[in-house]
Amino acid sequence: MRVFLVMIALGFSVMLQAQKVEVENTIKQFFTGFHAKDTVKIKSICDETMMLQSILENKTESKLKQEKSTDFFKSIAKIPNEVRFEEKILSYKIKIDGAMAHAWTPYEFYLNGKLSHKGVNSFTLFKTAQGWKIVHIIDTRRK
């Protein structure tokens, strides 16, 4: 009986780890598209109702900024070719409950090779028949 319970526990653990890898790969695909300025790739893993928010922090105040996903995609497409940017994800902390996942990803953002700002991304994802879809992104930004 004990062996049976251990096998069930291992099976759940393996299944959960596989789902975490799927969530992480979805976020990696988002950034692959983001860095390539490929809005088609980004849209393919985002829900059409995706909400984007940023918390802008400085020494005196914090502001919450909301952006429509359509405006986000337009802004990505308009980035000039000579502008280089990279968002380096430092780690992934992923939690899953059924069809909902949450990922906490500290990052550093580089613009033309220089550190511009850093913070944390918080992704909420929903599991669909087509795979995980990003439904909400909120991030913090500090100089």
Protein backbone atom coordinates (compact mmCIF):
# COMPACT_ATOMS: atom_id res chain seq x y z
CA MET A 1 0.00 0.00 0.00
CA ARG A 2 2.82 2.37 0.88
CA VAL A 3 4.46 1.77 -2.51
CA PHE A 4 1.14 2.53 -4.22
CA LEU A 5 0.81 5.85 -2.37
CA VAL A 6 4.40 6.78 -3.20
CA MET A 7 3.76 6.01 -6.88
CA ILE A 8 0.65 8.22 -6.90
CA ALA A 9 2.55 11.05 -5.21
CA LEU A 10 5.38 10.74 -7.74
CA GLY A 11 2.89 10.75 -10.61
CA PHE A 12 1.28 13.97 -9.39
CA SER A 13 4.70 15.53 -8.86
CA VAL A 14 5.81 14.67 -12.40
CA MET A 15 2.53 15.98 -13.84
CA LEU A 16 2.80 19.25 -11.91
CA GLN A 17 6.42 19.73 -12.96
CA ALA A 18 5.44 19.17 -16.61
CA GLN A 19 2.74 21.83 -16.31
CA LYS A 20 5.23 24.25 -14.73
CA VAL A 21 7.55 23.69 -17.70
CA GLU A 22 4.62 24.42 -20.08
CA VAL A 23 3.89 27.68 -18.24
CA GLU A 24 7.56 28.69 -18.26
CA ASN A 25 7.80 27.88 -21.98
CA THR A 26 4.74 30.03 -22.68
CA ILE A 27 6.40 32.97 -20.95
CA LYS A 28 9.67 32.30 -22.78
CA GLN A 29 7.73 32.29 -26.07
CA PHE A 30 6.22 35.66 -25.09
CA PHE A 31 9.70 37.12 -24.63
CA THR A 32 11.05 35.50 -27.80
CA GLY A 33 8.29 37.30 -29.70
CA PHE A 34 8.79 40.48 -27.67
CA HIS A 35 12.52 40.68 -28.42
CA ALA A 36 11.89 39.91 -32.11
CA LYS A 37 9.08 42.53 -32.19
CA ASP A 38 6.88 39.70 -33.51
CA THR A 39 3.34 40.61 -32.47
CA VAL A 40 1.89 37.55 -34.20
CA LYS A 41 3.99 35.26 -31.98
CA ILE A 42 3.09 37.26 -28.87
CA LYS A 43 -0.63 37.25 -29.69
CA SER A 44 -0.57 33.48 -30.22
CA ILE A 45 0.03 32.86 -26.51
CA CYS A 46 -2.04 35.76 -25.14
CA ASP A 47 -5.76 35.71 -24.49
CA GLU A 48 -7.68 38.31 -26.47
CA THR A 49 -8.86 39.85 -23.17
CA MET A 50 -5.33 40.18 -21.76
CA MET A 51 -4.84 43.03 -19.30
CA LEU A 52 -1.50 44.83 -18.95
CA GLN A 53 -0.56 46.97 -15.96
CA SER A 54 2.64 48.51 -14.62
CA ILE A 55 3.49 49.92 -11.24
CA LEU A 56 5.92 52.78 -11.78
CA GLU A 57 7.96 53.47 -8.67
CA ASN A 58 10.24 56.32 -7.72
CA LYS A 59 11.47 57.78 -4.44
CA THR A 60 8.35 59.85 -3.77
CA GLU A 61 5.42 57.90 -5.22
CA SER A 62 4.09 54.87 -7.04
CA LYS A 63 1.67 55.02 -9.98
CA LEU A 64 -0.46 52.32 -11.55
CA LYS A 65 -0.54 52.48 -15.34
CA GLN A 66 -2.92 50.37 -17.42
CA GLU A 67 -2.43 49.65 -21.12
CA LYS A 68 -4.82 48.07 -23.62
CA SER A 69 -3.40 44.96 -25.26
CA THR A 70 -4.06 46.47 -28.71
CA ASP A 71 -1.95 49.51 -27.77
CA PHE A 72 0.79 47.23 -26.44
CA PHE A 73 0.95 45.28 -29.70
CA LYS A 74 1.03 48.51 -31.74
CA SER A 75 3.86 49.90 -29.59
CA ILE A 76 5.93 46.72 -30.10
CA ALA A 77 5.44 46.87 -33.87
CA LYS A 78 6.57 50.53 -33.94
CA ILE A 79 9.92 50.02 -32.20
CA PRO A 80 12.63 51.12 -34.65
CA ASN A 81 14.99 48.42 -35.92
CA GLU A 82 18.04 50.25 -34.52
CA VAL A 83 16.65 50.06 -30.96
CA ARG A 84 17.91 46.97 -29.15
CA PHE A 85 16.22 45.81 -25.99
CA GLU A 86 16.30 42.75 -23.80
CA GLU A 87 14.31 41.78 -20.76
CA LYS A 88 16.41 39.27 -18.82
CA ILE A 89 14.29 36.99 -16.66
CA LEU A 90 16.28 36.17 -13.52
CA SER A 91 14.09 33.34 -12.18
CA TYR A 92 10.65 31.73 -12.33
CA LYS A 93 8.35 30.98 -9.40
CA ILE A 94 5.30 29.18 -10.77
CA LYS A 95 2.15 28.10 -8.93
CA ILE A 96 -0.66 26.13 -10.59
CA ASP A 97 -4.20 25.32 -9.50
CA GLY A 98 -6.16 23.46 -12.16
CA ALA A 99 -6.55 25.71 -15.20
CA MET A 100 -4.96 28.75 -13.55
CA ALA A 101 -1.26 29.47 -13.22
CA HIS A 102 0.69 32.33 -11.74
CA ALA A 103 4.33 33.12 -12.48
CA TRP A 104 6.53 35.57 -10.59
CA THR A 105 9.57 36.58 -12.65
CA PRO A 106 12.13 39.11 -11.43
CA TYR A 107 13.81 40.85 -14.38
CA GLU A 108 16.32 43.40 -15.62
CA PHE A 109 15.52 45.47 -18.72
CA TYR A 110 18.35 46.56 -21.00
CA LEU A 111 18.02 49.23 -23.67
CA ASN A 112 20.83 49.36 -26.23
CA GLY A 113 22.99 47.28 -23.90
CA LYS A 114 22.53 49.46 -20.79
CA LEU A 115 20.40 48.65 -17.75
CA SER A 116 17.27 50.79 -18.02
CA HIS A 117 15.20 49.47 -15.12
CA LYS A 118 14.37 46.35 -13.15
CA GLY A 119 11.49 44.86 -11.24
CA VAL A 120 9.17 41.88 -11.18
CA ASN A 121 6.65 40.58 -13.72
CA SER A 122 3.56 38.81 -12.46
CA PHE A 123 1.84 36.66 -15.10
CA THR A 124 -1.57 35.04 -14.74
CA LEU A 125 -2.29 32.29 -17.25
CA PHE A 126 -5.35 30.23 -18.16
CA LYS A 127 -5.16 26.68 -19.55
CA THR A 128 -7.16 26.33 -22.78
CA ALA A 129 -7.53 23.48 -25.26
CA GLN A 130 -4.74 25.19 -27.24
CA GLY A 131 -2.42 25.45 -24.22
CA TRP A 132 -1.61 28.10 -21.64
CA LYS A 133 -2.69 31.66 -22.50
CA ILE A 134 -1.52 34.81 -20.73
CA VAL A 135 -4.53 36.72 -19.38
CA HIS A 136 -2.82 39.30 -17.16
CA ILE A 137 0.61 40.85 -16.83
CA ILE A 138 1.49 43.34 -14.13
CA ASP A 139 5.03 44.51 -13.49
CA THR A 140 6.98 46.80 -11.25
CA ARG A 141 9.55 49.19 -12.68
CA ARG A 142 12.37 50.88 -10.79
CA LYS A 143 15.41 52.75 -12.05
